[in-house]
Amino acid sequence: MTSLRQPLRIPRPALYAALALAAIFAVVLILMQRPPICACGTVKLWHGVVHSSENSQHLADWYTFSHIIHGFIFYAAAHFWLKGDARRWAFPAAVLTEGAWEVLENSPIIINRYREATMALGYSGDSIVNSMADIGWMSFGFWLATRLSARVTIGIAIAFELMTLILIRDNLTLNVLMLVWPVEAIKVWQGAALLS
């Protein structure tokens, strides 16, 4: 019988590397001329109106739950696939992956894809504050996964997916599906929320 792998831990050098990577991504977003904060001129802890110009502009919104799940997924991937000394660098690898997504998500190709294929008709990308907060929320999810059992982590992820599906007609699963393989019926169903 094989023994279970020990939970991943985040050693101090890996934490410093992750912080350095986050800083590099902030610089990249600045060079991409992303807006530093919401055009409204404020930074809110929470903005809960999905269909507004302030969505994806503040520290947290309904999509924050997806970023926490990203952390769960990156932890699980590292836990099962990385071996030996590579496991020490799982957290910076997660930050690298999330940061790369934030850069890609704010590129014209993905912004236009969101506009064409999803309910995000007026989406113009994230503010830098929101992108950095998204990296932070993913990091929180990763850290949480180091402390919780797999069963509890999976339960939280399912609860987040169901909650956002019910409340905003969107979640990580639908977001990925609609980006990769748009389904017109889902787009119509999500758009119906705008009319209600």
N, C-alpha and C. Protein backbone atom coordinates (compact mmCIF):
# COMPACT_ATOMS: atom_id res chain seq x y z
N MET A 1 0.85 -1.19 0.00
CA MET A 1 0.00 0.00 0.00
C MET A 1 0.89 1.25 0.00
N THR A 2 0.61 2.19 -0.87
CA THR A 2 1.41 3.42 -0.93
C THR A 2 0.89 4.43 0.07
N SER A 3 1.80 5.20 0.62
CA SER A 3 1.40 6.22 1.59
C SER A 3 0.97 7.49 0.86
N LEU A 4 0.11 8.23 1.49
CA LEU A 4 -0.35 9.49 0.90
C LEU A 4 0.78 10.50 0.92
N ARG A 5 0.81 11.34 -0.08
CA ARG A 5 1.82 12.40 -0.13
C ARG A 5 1.55 13.42 0.94
N GLN A 6 2.60 14.00 1.45
CA GLN A 6 2.47 15.07 2.42
C GLN A 6 1.89 16.31 1.75
N PRO A 7 1.08 17.09 2.47
CA PRO A 7 0.55 18.33 1.87
C PRO A 7 1.69 19.27 1.47
N LEU A 8 1.44 20.04 0.43
CA LEU A 8 2.43 21.02 -0.01
C LEU A 8 2.55 22.14 1.02
N ARG A 9 3.72 22.62 1.21
CA ARG A 9 3.95 23.79 2.05
C ARG A 9 4.60 24.87 1.18
N ILE A 10 4.50 26.11 1.63
CA ILE A 10 5.07 27.23 0.87
C ILE A 10 6.30 27.73 1.63
N PRO A 11 7.50 27.29 1.22
CA PRO A 11 8.71 27.77 1.91
C PRO A 11 8.97 29.24 1.61
N ARG A 12 9.72 29.88 2.48
CA ARG A 12 9.98 31.31 2.35
C ARG A 12 10.57 31.73 1.00
N PRO A 13 11.59 31.03 0.46
CA PRO A 13 12.11 31.43 -0.86
C PRO A 13 11.04 31.38 -1.95
N ALA A 14 10.15 30.39 -1.86
CA ALA A 14 9.08 30.29 -2.85
C ALA A 14 8.10 31.45 -2.71
N LEU A 15 7.85 31.86 -1.48
CA LEU A 15 6.97 33.01 -1.23
C LEU A 15 7.58 34.28 -1.84
N TYR A 16 8.88 34.48 -1.64
CA TYR A 16 9.55 35.65 -2.21
C TYR A 16 9.52 35.61 -3.74
N ALA A 17 9.72 34.42 -4.30
CA ALA A 17 9.68 34.29 -5.76
C ALA A 17 8.28 34.63 -6.27
N ALA A 18 7.24 34.18 -5.56
CA ALA A 18 5.86 34.46 -5.96
C ALA A 18 5.58 35.96 -5.91
N LEU A 19 6.06 36.62 -4.87
CA LEU A 19 5.87 38.08 -4.76
C LEU A 19 6.59 38.81 -5.90
N ALA A 20 7.79 38.35 -6.23
CA ALA A 20 8.54 38.96 -7.34
C ALA A 20 7.79 38.77 -8.66
N LEU A 21 7.24 37.58 -8.86
CA LEU A 21 6.47 37.33 -10.08
C LEU A 21 5.24 38.23 -10.16
N ALA A 22 4.54 38.39 -9.04
CA ALA A 22 3.36 39.25 -9.01
C ALA A 22 3.75 40.69 -9.37
N ALA A 23 4.89 41.15 -8.85
CA ALA A 23 5.37 42.50 -9.16
C ALA A 23 5.68 42.63 -10.66
N ILE A 24 6.28 41.60 -11.23
CA ILE A 24 6.58 41.62 -12.67
C ILE A 24 5.29 41.70 -13.48
N PHE A 25 4.28 40.94 -13.08
CA PHE A 25 3.00 41.00 -13.81
C PHE A 25 2.35 42.38 -13.67
N ALA A 26 2.51 43.02 -12.53
CA ALA A 26 1.98 44.38 -12.36
C ALA A 26 2.65 45.32 -13.36
N VAL A 27 3.96 45.18 -13.52
CA VAL A 27 4.70 46.02 -14.47
C VAL A 27 4.24 45.73 -15.90
N VAL A 28 4.05 44.46 -16.23
CA VAL A 28 3.58 44.09 -17.56
C VAL A 28 2.23 44.73 -17.85
N LEU A 29 1.33 44.68 -16.88
CA LEU A 29 0.00 45.28 -17.06
C LEU A 29 0.09 46.81 -17.22
N ILE A 30 1.02 47.42 -16.50
CA ILE A 30 1.25 48.86 -16.66
C ILE A 30 1.74 49.15 -18.09
N LEU A 31 2.68 48.32 -18.57
CA LEU A 31 3.21 48.50 -19.92
C LEU A 31 2.14 48.24 -20.99
N MET A 32 1.15 47.41 -20.63
CA MET A 32 0.02 47.16 -21.55
C MET A 32 -0.98 48.32 -21.51
N GLN A 33 -0.70 49.29 -20.65
CA GLN A 33 -1.55 50.48 -20.48
C GLN A 33 -2.95 50.14 -19.98
N ARG A 34 -3.01 49.13 -19.10
CA ARG A 34 -4.27 48.83 -18.44
C ARG A 34 -4.55 49.94 -17.42
N PRO A 35 -5.81 50.28 -17.17
CA PRO A 35 -6.10 51.32 -16.19
C PRO A 35 -5.72 50.84 -14.78
N PRO A 36 -5.08 51.70 -13.99
CA PRO A 36 -4.67 51.27 -12.65
C PRO A 36 -5.85 50.93 -11.74
N ILE A 37 -6.89 51.76 -11.79
CA ILE A 37 -8.09 51.53 -10.99
C ILE A 37 -9.32 51.76 -11.86
N CYS A 38 -10.47 51.55 -11.28
CA CYS A 38 -11.73 51.78 -11.97
C CYS A 38 -11.81 53.21 -12.50
N ALA A 39 -12.40 53.39 -13.67
CA ALA A 39 -12.60 54.72 -14.23
C ALA A 39 -13.50 55.58 -13.34
N CYS A 40 -14.23 54.93 -12.43
CA CYS A 40 -15.09 55.66 -11.50
C CYS A 40 -14.27 56.44 -10.47
N GLY A 41 -12.97 56.15 -10.37
CA GLY A 41 -12.08 56.89 -9.48
C GLY A 41 -11.99 56.36 -8.07
N THR A 42 -12.65 55.23 -7.79
CA THR A 42 -12.58 54.66 -6.45
C THR A 42 -12.11 53.21 -6.51
N VAL A 43 -11.70 52.70 -5.37
CA VAL A 43 -11.36 51.28 -5.23
C VAL A 43 -12.26 50.73 -4.13
N LYS A 44 -13.13 49.81 -4.52
CA LYS A 44 -14.05 49.20 -3.56
C LYS A 44 -13.56 47.82 -3.16
N LEU A 45 -13.87 47.43 -1.93
CA LEU A 45 -13.56 46.07 -1.49
C LEU A 45 -14.41 45.08 -2.28
N TRP A 46 -15.69 45.39 -2.52
CA TRP A 46 -16.61 44.49 -3.22
C TRP A 46 -17.47 45.28 -4.19
N HIS A 47 -17.61 44.75 -5.39
CA HIS A 47 -18.57 45.29 -6.35
C HIS A 47 -19.39 44.11 -6.86
N GLY A 48 -20.68 44.11 -6.59
CA GLY A 48 -21.51 42.96 -6.86
C GLY A 48 -22.42 43.06 -8.06
N VAL A 49 -22.28 44.09 -8.89
CA VAL A 49 -23.14 44.21 -10.08
C VAL A 49 -22.34 43.72 -11.28
N VAL A 50 -22.72 42.54 -11.78
CA VAL A 50 -21.95 41.91 -12.87
C VAL A 50 -22.05 42.74 -14.15
N HIS A 51 -23.24 43.16 -14.50
CA HIS A 51 -23.46 43.87 -15.76
C HIS A 51 -23.32 45.38 -15.54
N SER A 52 -22.08 45.79 -15.27
CA SER A 52 -21.81 47.21 -15.09
C SER A 52 -20.37 47.50 -15.50
N SER A 53 -20.10 48.75 -15.72
CA SER A 53 -18.74 49.15 -16.12
C SER A 53 -17.74 48.98 -14.99
N GLU A 54 -18.22 48.77 -13.77
CA GLU A 54 -17.31 48.60 -12.63
C GLU A 54 -16.98 47.14 -12.34
N ASN A 55 -17.60 46.22 -13.09
CA ASN A 55 -17.27 44.81 -12.88
C ASN A 55 -15.82 44.56 -13.30
N SER A 56 -15.11 43.75 -12.53
CA SER A 56 -13.70 43.43 -12.78
C SER A 56 -12.80 44.66 -12.66
N GLN A 57 -13.21 45.61 -11.83
CA GLN A 57 -12.42 46.83 -11.64
C GLN A 57 -11.97 47.03 -10.18
N HIS A 58 -12.53 46.27 -9.27
CA HIS A 58 -12.27 46.48 -7.84
C HIS A 58 -11.56 45.27 -7.23
N LEU A 59 -11.45 45.25 -5.90
CA LEU A 59 -10.70 44.19 -5.22
C LEU A 59 -11.41 42.84 -5.25
N ALA A 60 -12.72 42.84 -5.21
CA ALA A 60 -13.46 41.58 -5.24
C ALA A 60 -14.80 41.78 -5.94
N ASP A 61 -15.26 40.71 -6.59
CA ASP A 61 -16.55 40.70 -7.27
C ASP A 61 -16.99 39.24 -7.35
N TRP A 62 -18.04 38.97 -8.09
CA TRP A 62 -18.55 37.61 -8.17
C TRP A 62 -17.54 36.65 -8.78
N TYR A 63 -16.62 37.14 -9.59
CA TYR A 63 -15.62 36.27 -10.22
C TYR A 63 -14.45 35.96 -9.29
N THR A 64 -14.40 36.61 -8.15
CA THR A 64 -13.38 36.30 -7.14
C THR A 64 -13.45 34.82 -6.75
N PHE A 65 -14.66 34.28 -6.68
CA PHE A 65 -14.82 32.88 -6.30
C PHE A 65 -14.14 31.95 -7.30
N SER A 66 -14.16 32.32 -8.58
CA SER A 66 -13.46 31.53 -9.60
C SER A 66 -11.95 31.56 -9.38
N HIS A 67 -11.43 32.71 -8.98
CA HIS A 67 -9.98 32.81 -8.76
C HIS A 67 -9.55 32.00 -7.54
N ILE A 68 -10.39 31.95 -6.53
CA ILE A 68 -10.08 31.09 -5.38
C ILE A 68 -10.05 29.63 -5.84
N ILE A 69 -10.99 29.25 -6.69
CA ILE A 69 -10.99 27.88 -7.23
C ILE A 69 -9.74 27.63 -8.07
N HIS A 70 -9.27 28.64 -8.80
CA HIS A 70 -8.00 28.48 -9.53
C HIS A 70 -6.92 28.01 -8.55
N GLY A 71 -6.85 28.64 -7.39
CA GLY A 71 -5.86 28.25 -6.38
C GLY A 71 -6.02 26.81 -5.95
N PHE A 72 -7.26 26.37 -5.77
CA PHE A 72 -7.53 24.96 -5.43
C PHE A 72 -7.00 24.04 -6.53
N ILE A 73 -7.30 24.41 -7.78
CA ILE A 73 -6.89 23.57 -8.92
C ILE A 73 -5.38 23.52 -9.04
N PHE A 74 -4.72 24.67 -8.92
CA PHE A 74 -3.26 24.69 -9.03
C PHE A 74 -2.62 23.89 -7.92
N TYR A 75 -3.19 23.97 -6.72
CA TYR A 75 -2.67 23.17 -5.60
C TYR A 75 -2.81 21.68 -5.92
N ALA A 76 -3.99 21.28 -6.37
CA ALA A 76 -4.21 19.86 -6.67
C ALA A 76 -3.25 19.38 -7.76
N ALA A 77 -3.09 20.18 -8.81
CA ALA A 77 -2.18 19.80 -9.90
C ALA A 77 -0.76 19.62 -9.38
N ALA A 78 -0.31 20.57 -8.58
CA ALA A 78 1.05 20.49 -8.04
C ALA A 78 1.18 19.31 -7.08
N HIS A 79 0.17 19.10 -6.25
CA HIS A 79 0.21 18.03 -5.27
C HIS A 79 0.37 16.66 -5.94
N PHE A 80 -0.32 16.47 -7.06
CA PHE A 80 -0.28 15.17 -7.71
C PHE A 80 0.82 15.02 -8.75
N TRP A 81 1.24 16.12 -9.37
CA TRP A 81 2.18 16.00 -10.48
C TRP A 81 3.62 16.34 -10.14
N LEU A 82 3.84 17.22 -9.19
CA LEU A 82 5.22 17.60 -8.88
C LEU A 82 5.83 16.63 -7.87
N LYS A 83 7.10 16.34 -8.09
CA LYS A 83 7.80 15.42 -7.20
C LYS A 83 9.08 16.06 -6.68
N GLY A 84 9.53 15.56 -5.56
CA GLY A 84 10.81 15.97 -5.00
C GLY A 84 10.89 17.47 -4.75
N ASP A 85 12.04 18.05 -5.09
CA ASP A 85 12.30 19.46 -4.82
C ASP A 85 11.39 20.40 -5.60
N ALA A 86 10.86 19.92 -6.73
CA ALA A 86 9.97 20.76 -7.54
C ALA A 86 8.73 21.16 -6.76
N ARG A 87 8.31 20.34 -5.80
CA ARG A 87 7.12 20.63 -5.01
C ARG A 87 7.26 21.93 -4.21
N ARG A 88 8.48 22.28 -3.87
CA ARG A 88 8.72 23.52 -3.12
C ARG A 88 8.34 24.76 -3.91
N TRP A 89 8.36 24.63 -5.25
CA TRP A 89 8.12 25.77 -6.12
C TRP A 89 6.72 25.77 -6.72
N ALA A 90 5.84 25.00 -6.12
CA ALA A 90 4.46 24.91 -6.62
C ALA A 90 3.74 26.26 -6.54
N PHE A 91 3.94 26.98 -5.45
CA PHE A 91 3.22 28.25 -5.30
C PHE A 91 3.68 29.30 -6.31
N PRO A 92 4.99 29.51 -6.50
CA PRO A 92 5.38 30.45 -7.57
C PRO A 92 4.89 30.00 -8.95
N ALA A 93 4.84 28.69 -9.18
CA ALA A 93 4.31 28.20 -10.46
C ALA A 93 2.83 28.57 -10.60
N ALA A 94 2.10 28.51 -9.50
CA ALA A 94 0.68 28.90 -9.52
C ALA A 94 0.54 30.39 -9.80
N VAL A 95 1.37 31.21 -9.17
CA VAL A 95 1.33 32.66 -9.41
C VAL A 95 1.72 32.96 -10.86
N LEU A 96 2.71 32.25 -11.37
CA LEU A 96 3.11 32.43 -12.77
C LEU A 96 1.95 32.11 -13.71
N THR A 97 1.24 31.03 -13.45
CA THR A 97 0.12 30.63 -14.29
C THR A 97 -1.02 31.64 -14.20
N GLU A 98 -1.37 32.04 -12.98
CA GLU A 98 -2.46 33.01 -12.80
C GLU A 98 -2.09 34.36 -13.40
N GLY A 99 -0.85 34.79 -13.19
CA GLY A 99 -0.41 36.06 -13.75
C GLY A 99 -0.41 36.05 -15.27
N ALA A 100 0.02 34.92 -15.85
CA ALA A 100 0.00 34.80 -17.31
C ALA A 100 -1.44 34.89 -17.82
N TRP A 101 -2.37 34.27 -17.08
CA TRP A 101 -3.78 34.37 -17.48
C TRP A 101 -4.27 35.81 -17.40
N GLU A 102 -3.89 36.53 -16.35
CA GLU A 102 -4.32 37.93 -16.21
C GLU A 102 -3.82 38.77 -17.38
N VAL A 103 -2.60 38.52 -17.82
CA VAL A 103 -2.06 39.25 -18.97
C VAL A 103 -2.84 38.87 -20.24
N LEU A 104 -3.04 37.56 -20.44
CA LEU A 104 -3.79 37.10 -21.62
C LEU A 104 -5.23 37.60 -21.59
N GLU A 105 -5.86 37.54 -20.42
CA GLU A 105 -7.25 37.97 -20.27
C GLU A 105 -7.43 39.44 -20.64
N ASN A 106 -6.39 40.23 -20.47
CA ASN A 106 -6.45 41.66 -20.76
C ASN A 106 -5.85 42.02 -22.11
N SER A 107 -5.63 41.01 -22.93
CA SER A 107 -5.15 41.24 -24.29
C SER A 107 -6.37 41.42 -25.20
N PRO A 108 -6.21 42.13 -26.30
CA PRO A 108 -7.34 42.36 -27.20
C PRO A 108 -8.01 41.07 -27.67
N ILE A 109 -7.25 40.01 -27.90
CA ILE A 109 -7.85 38.78 -28.43
C ILE A 109 -8.85 38.17 -27.44
N ILE A 110 -8.54 38.17 -26.14
CA ILE A 110 -9.45 37.59 -25.15
C ILE A 110 -10.58 38.56 -24.82
N ILE A 111 -10.27 39.85 -24.73
CA ILE A 111 -11.34 40.84 -24.49
C ILE A 111 -12.39 40.74 -25.59
N ASN A 112 -11.96 40.66 -26.84
CA ASN A 112 -12.90 40.54 -27.96
C ASN A 112 -13.64 39.21 -27.92
N ARG A 113 -12.94 38.16 -27.53
CA ARG A 113 -13.58 36.84 -27.43
C ARG A 113 -14.70 36.87 -26.39
N TYR A 114 -14.43 37.48 -25.23
CA TYR A 114 -15.47 37.62 -24.20
C TYR A 114 -16.67 38.38 -24.75
N ARG A 115 -16.41 39.45 -25.49
CA ARG A 115 -17.51 40.25 -26.04
C ARG A 115 -18.35 39.47 -27.05
N GLU A 116 -17.67 38.66 -27.87
CA GLU A 116 -18.37 37.93 -28.94
C GLU A 116 -19.08 36.68 -28.42
N ALA A 117 -18.43 35.94 -27.52
CA ALA A 117 -18.90 34.59 -27.18
C ALA A 117 -19.64 34.48 -25.86
N THR A 118 -19.57 35.50 -25.02
CA THR A 118 -20.18 35.38 -23.70
C THR A 118 -21.17 36.52 -23.48
N MET A 119 -21.72 36.56 -22.27
CA MET A 119 -22.68 37.62 -21.93
C MET A 119 -21.99 38.93 -21.59
N ALA A 120 -20.65 38.95 -21.61
CA ALA A 120 -19.89 40.15 -21.24
C ALA A 120 -19.78 41.10 -22.43
N LEU A 121 -20.91 41.63 -22.86
CA LEU A 121 -20.96 42.43 -24.09
C LEU A 121 -20.08 43.67 -24.03
N GLY A 122 -20.07 44.37 -22.91
CA GLY A 122 -19.30 45.61 -22.81
C GLY A 122 -17.97 45.45 -22.11
N TYR A 123 -17.51 44.21 -21.97
CA TYR A 123 -16.27 43.94 -21.23
C TYR A 123 -15.08 44.65 -21.89
N SER A 124 -14.30 45.35 -21.08
CA SER A 124 -13.13 46.06 -21.62
C SER A 124 -11.84 45.66 -20.91
N GLY A 125 -11.89 44.58 -20.15
CA GLY A 125 -10.71 44.13 -19.42
C GLY A 125 -10.74 44.57 -17.97
N ASP A 126 -9.74 44.14 -17.23
CA ASP A 126 -9.66 44.41 -15.80
C ASP A 126 -8.78 45.63 -15.52
N SER A 127 -9.03 46.26 -14.39
CA SER A 127 -8.08 47.26 -13.90
C SER A 127 -6.88 46.51 -13.33
N ILE A 128 -5.76 47.19 -13.17
CA ILE A 128 -4.57 46.56 -12.59
C ILE A 128 -4.87 46.15 -11.15
N VAL A 129 -5.59 46.96 -10.42
CA VAL A 129 -5.96 46.61 -9.04
C VAL A 129 -6.72 45.30 -9.03
N ASN A 130 -7.67 45.13 -9.94
CA ASN A 130 -8.45 43.90 -9.99
C ASN A 130 -7.58 42.70 -10.38
N SER A 131 -6.72 42.89 -11.36
CA SER A 131 -5.84 41.79 -11.78
C SER A 131 -4.93 41.34 -10.64
N MET A 132 -4.36 42.29 -9.92
CA MET A 132 -3.48 41.93 -8.81
C MET A 132 -4.28 41.29 -7.68
N ALA A 133 -5.50 41.78 -7.46
CA ALA A 133 -6.36 41.16 -6.46
C ALA A 133 -6.71 39.73 -6.87
N ASP A 134 -6.93 39.51 -8.18
CA ASP A 134 -7.22 38.16 -8.66
C ASP A 134 -6.06 37.22 -8.36
N ILE A 135 -4.83 37.69 -8.55
CA ILE A 135 -3.66 36.87 -8.20
C ILE A 135 -3.66 36.61 -6.69
N GLY A 136 -4.01 37.62 -5.92
CA GLY A 136 -4.09 37.46 -4.47
C GLY A 136 -5.16 36.47 -4.06
N TRP A 137 -6.32 36.52 -4.70
CA TRP A 137 -7.40 35.57 -4.37
C TRP A 137 -7.02 34.15 -4.77
N MET A 138 -6.35 33.98 -5.91
CA MET A 138 -5.85 32.66 -6.27
C MET A 138 -4.88 32.17 -5.21
N SER A 139 -4.00 33.06 -4.75
CA SER A 139 -3.02 32.70 -3.73
C SER A 139 -3.72 32.28 -2.43
N PHE A 140 -4.79 32.98 -2.08
CA PHE A 140 -5.57 32.61 -0.91
C PHE A 140 -6.15 31.21 -1.09
N GLY A 141 -6.68 30.92 -2.28
CA GLY A 141 -7.22 29.59 -2.54
C GLY A 141 -6.15 28.52 -2.44
N PHE A 142 -4.97 28.80 -2.96
CA PHE A 142 -3.85 27.86 -2.89
C PHE A 142 -3.49 27.60 -1.43
N TRP A 143 -3.34 28.69 -0.67
CA TRP A 143 -2.99 28.56 0.75
C TRP A 143 -4.07 27.78 1.50
N LEU A 144 -5.33 28.09 1.22
CA LEU A 144 -6.44 27.40 1.88
C LEU A 144 -6.37 25.90 1.60
N ALA A 145 -6.04 25.55 0.36
CA ALA A 145 -5.94 24.13 0.00
C ALA A 145 -4.82 23.43 0.75
N THR A 146 -3.80 24.17 1.18
CA THR A 146 -2.72 23.54 1.96
C THR A 146 -3.19 23.22 3.37
N ARG A 147 -4.28 23.84 3.80
CA ARG A 147 -4.77 23.68 5.18
C ARG A 147 -5.98 22.76 5.29
N LEU A 148 -6.74 22.60 4.21
CA LEU A 148 -7.98 21.85 4.25
C LEU A 148 -7.82 20.47 3.62
N SER A 149 -8.70 19.57 3.98
CA SER A 149 -8.70 18.25 3.35
C SER A 149 -9.21 18.40 1.91
N ALA A 150 -8.88 17.41 1.10
CA ALA A 150 -9.34 17.43 -0.30
C ALA A 150 -10.86 17.45 -0.35
N ARG A 151 -11.50 16.70 0.51
CA ARG A 151 -12.97 16.63 0.52
C ARG A 151 -13.59 18.00 0.80
N VAL A 152 -13.04 18.72 1.78
CA VAL A 152 -13.57 20.04 2.13
C VAL A 152 -13.29 21.03 1.00
N THR A 153 -12.09 20.98 0.43
CA THR A 153 -11.73 21.88 -0.67
C THR A 153 -12.66 21.67 -1.86
N ILE A 154 -12.90 20.43 -2.22
CA ILE A 154 -13.81 20.13 -3.34
C ILE A 154 -15.22 20.60 -3.01
N GLY A 155 -15.65 20.40 -1.77
CA GLY A 155 -16.98 20.86 -1.35
C GLY A 155 -17.13 22.37 -1.48
N ILE A 156 -16.09 23.11 -1.07
CA ILE A 156 -16.13 24.58 -1.18
C ILE A 156 -16.20 24.99 -2.65
N ALA A 157 -15.39 24.33 -3.50
CA ALA A 157 -15.39 24.66 -4.93
C ALA A 157 -16.77 24.42 -5.54
N ILE A 158 -17.39 23.31 -5.21
CA ILE A 158 -18.73 23.01 -5.74
C ILE A 158 -19.73 24.03 -5.23
N ALA A 159 -19.64 24.38 -3.95
CA ALA A 159 -20.55 25.38 -3.39
C ALA A 159 -20.39 26.73 -4.09
N PHE A 160 -19.15 27.14 -4.33
CA PHE A 160 -18.90 28.40 -5.05
C PHE A 160 -19.50 28.35 -6.46
N GLU A 161 -19.30 27.24 -7.16
CA GLU A 161 -19.81 27.11 -8.52
C GLU A 161 -21.34 27.17 -8.55
N LEU A 162 -21.98 26.46 -7.62
CA LEU A 162 -23.44 26.47 -7.57
C LEU A 162 -23.98 27.83 -7.17
N MET A 163 -23.32 28.47 -6.20
CA MET A 163 -23.77 29.78 -5.73
C MET A 163 -23.73 30.81 -6.86
N THR A 164 -22.61 30.88 -7.57
CA THR A 164 -22.51 31.88 -8.64
C THR A 164 -23.38 31.51 -9.83
N LEU A 165 -23.58 30.22 -10.08
CA LEU A 165 -24.50 29.80 -11.14
C LEU A 165 -25.91 30.30 -10.84
N ILE A 166 -26.34 30.14 -9.60
CA ILE A 166 -27.68 30.56 -9.21
C ILE A 166 -27.81 32.08 -9.16
N LEU A 167 -26.82 32.75 -8.60
CA LEU A 167 -26.94 34.20 -8.36
C LEU A 167 -26.62 35.07 -9.58
N ILE A 168 -25.66 34.64 -10.41
CA ILE A 168 -25.29 35.50 -11.55
C ILE A 168 -25.33 34.77 -12.89
N ARG A 169 -25.79 33.52 -12.89
CA ARG A 169 -25.86 32.71 -14.10
C ARG A 169 -24.50 32.55 -14.78
N ASP A 170 -23.46 32.49 -13.99
CA ASP A 170 -22.11 32.30 -14.51
C ASP A 170 -21.27 31.68 -13.42
N ASN A 171 -20.21 31.01 -13.83
CA ASN A 171 -19.24 30.45 -12.89
C ASN A 171 -18.00 30.06 -13.68
N LEU A 172 -17.03 29.48 -13.01
CA LEU A 172 -15.78 29.12 -13.68
C LEU A 172 -16.03 28.12 -14.81
N THR A 173 -16.85 27.12 -14.55
CA THR A 173 -17.13 26.09 -15.55
C THR A 173 -17.74 26.71 -16.81
N LEU A 174 -18.78 27.53 -16.63
CA LEU A 174 -19.43 28.16 -17.79
C LEU A 174 -18.49 29.15 -18.48
N ASN A 175 -17.70 29.85 -17.69
CA ASN A 175 -16.76 30.82 -18.25
C ASN A 175 -15.79 30.14 -19.20
N VAL A 176 -15.22 29.02 -18.77
CA VAL A 176 -14.28 28.28 -19.61
C VAL A 176 -14.99 27.72 -20.84
N LEU A 177 -16.16 27.10 -20.61
CA LEU A 177 -16.92 26.54 -21.73
C LEU A 177 -17.23 27.60 -22.78
N MET A 178 -17.73 28.75 -22.34
CA MET A 178 -18.14 29.78 -23.28
C MET A 178 -16.96 30.43 -24.00
N LEU A 179 -15.81 30.41 -23.37
CA LEU A 179 -14.61 30.94 -24.03
C LEU A 179 -14.09 29.98 -25.08
N VAL A 180 -14.11 28.68 -24.74
CA VAL A 180 -13.53 27.67 -25.63
C VAL A 180 -14.52 27.20 -26.69
N TRP A 181 -15.75 26.95 -26.27
CA TRP A 181 -16.75 26.39 -27.18
C TRP A 181 -18.11 27.00 -26.85
N PRO A 182 -18.38 28.19 -27.34
CA PRO A 182 -19.62 28.89 -26.99
C PRO A 182 -20.87 28.10 -27.36
N VAL A 183 -21.83 28.10 -26.46
CA VAL A 183 -23.12 27.45 -26.68
C VAL A 183 -24.18 28.55 -26.68
N GLU A 184 -24.84 28.71 -27.80
CA GLU A 184 -25.79 29.81 -27.97
C GLU A 184 -26.90 29.76 -26.92
N ALA A 185 -27.38 28.58 -26.58
CA ALA A 185 -28.46 28.45 -25.59
C ALA A 185 -28.03 28.99 -24.22
N ILE A 186 -26.77 28.73 -23.87
CA ILE A 186 -26.26 29.24 -22.58
C ILE A 186 -26.14 30.76 -22.63
N LYS A 187 -25.66 31.28 -23.77
CA LYS A 187 -25.53 32.73 -23.92
C LYS A 187 -26.89 33.40 -23.79
N VAL A 188 -27.91 32.82 -24.41
CA VAL A 188 -29.26 33.38 -24.32
C VAL A 188 -29.77 33.32 -22.89
N TRP A 189 -29.56 32.18 -22.22
CA TRP A 189 -29.99 32.02 -20.83
C TRP A 189 -29.31 33.03 -19.91
N GLN A 190 -27.98 33.21 -20.11
CA GLN A 190 -27.25 34.19 -19.30
C GLN A 190 -27.73 35.60 -19.61
N GLY A 191 -27.97 35.89 -20.86
CA GLY A 191 -28.43 37.22 -21.26
C GLY A 191 -29.80 37.56 -20.74
N ALA A 192 -30.61 36.53 -20.49
CA ALA A 192 -31.97 36.77 -19.97
C ALA A 192 -31.93 37.42 -18.60
N ALA A 193 -30.83 37.26 -17.88
CA ALA A 193 -30.68 37.88 -16.55
C ALA A 193 -30.66 39.40 -16.68
N LEU A 194 -30.20 39.90 -17.82
CA LEU A 194 -30.16 41.34 -18.05
C LEU A 194 -31.57 41.94 -18.16
N LEU A 195 -32.49 41.11 -18.64
CA LEU A 195 -33.85 41.59 -18.86
C LEU A 195 -34.74 41.50 -17.62
N SER A 196 -34.30 40.66 -16.65
CA SER A 196 -35.13 40.46 -15.46
C SER A 196 -34.84 41.48 -14.37
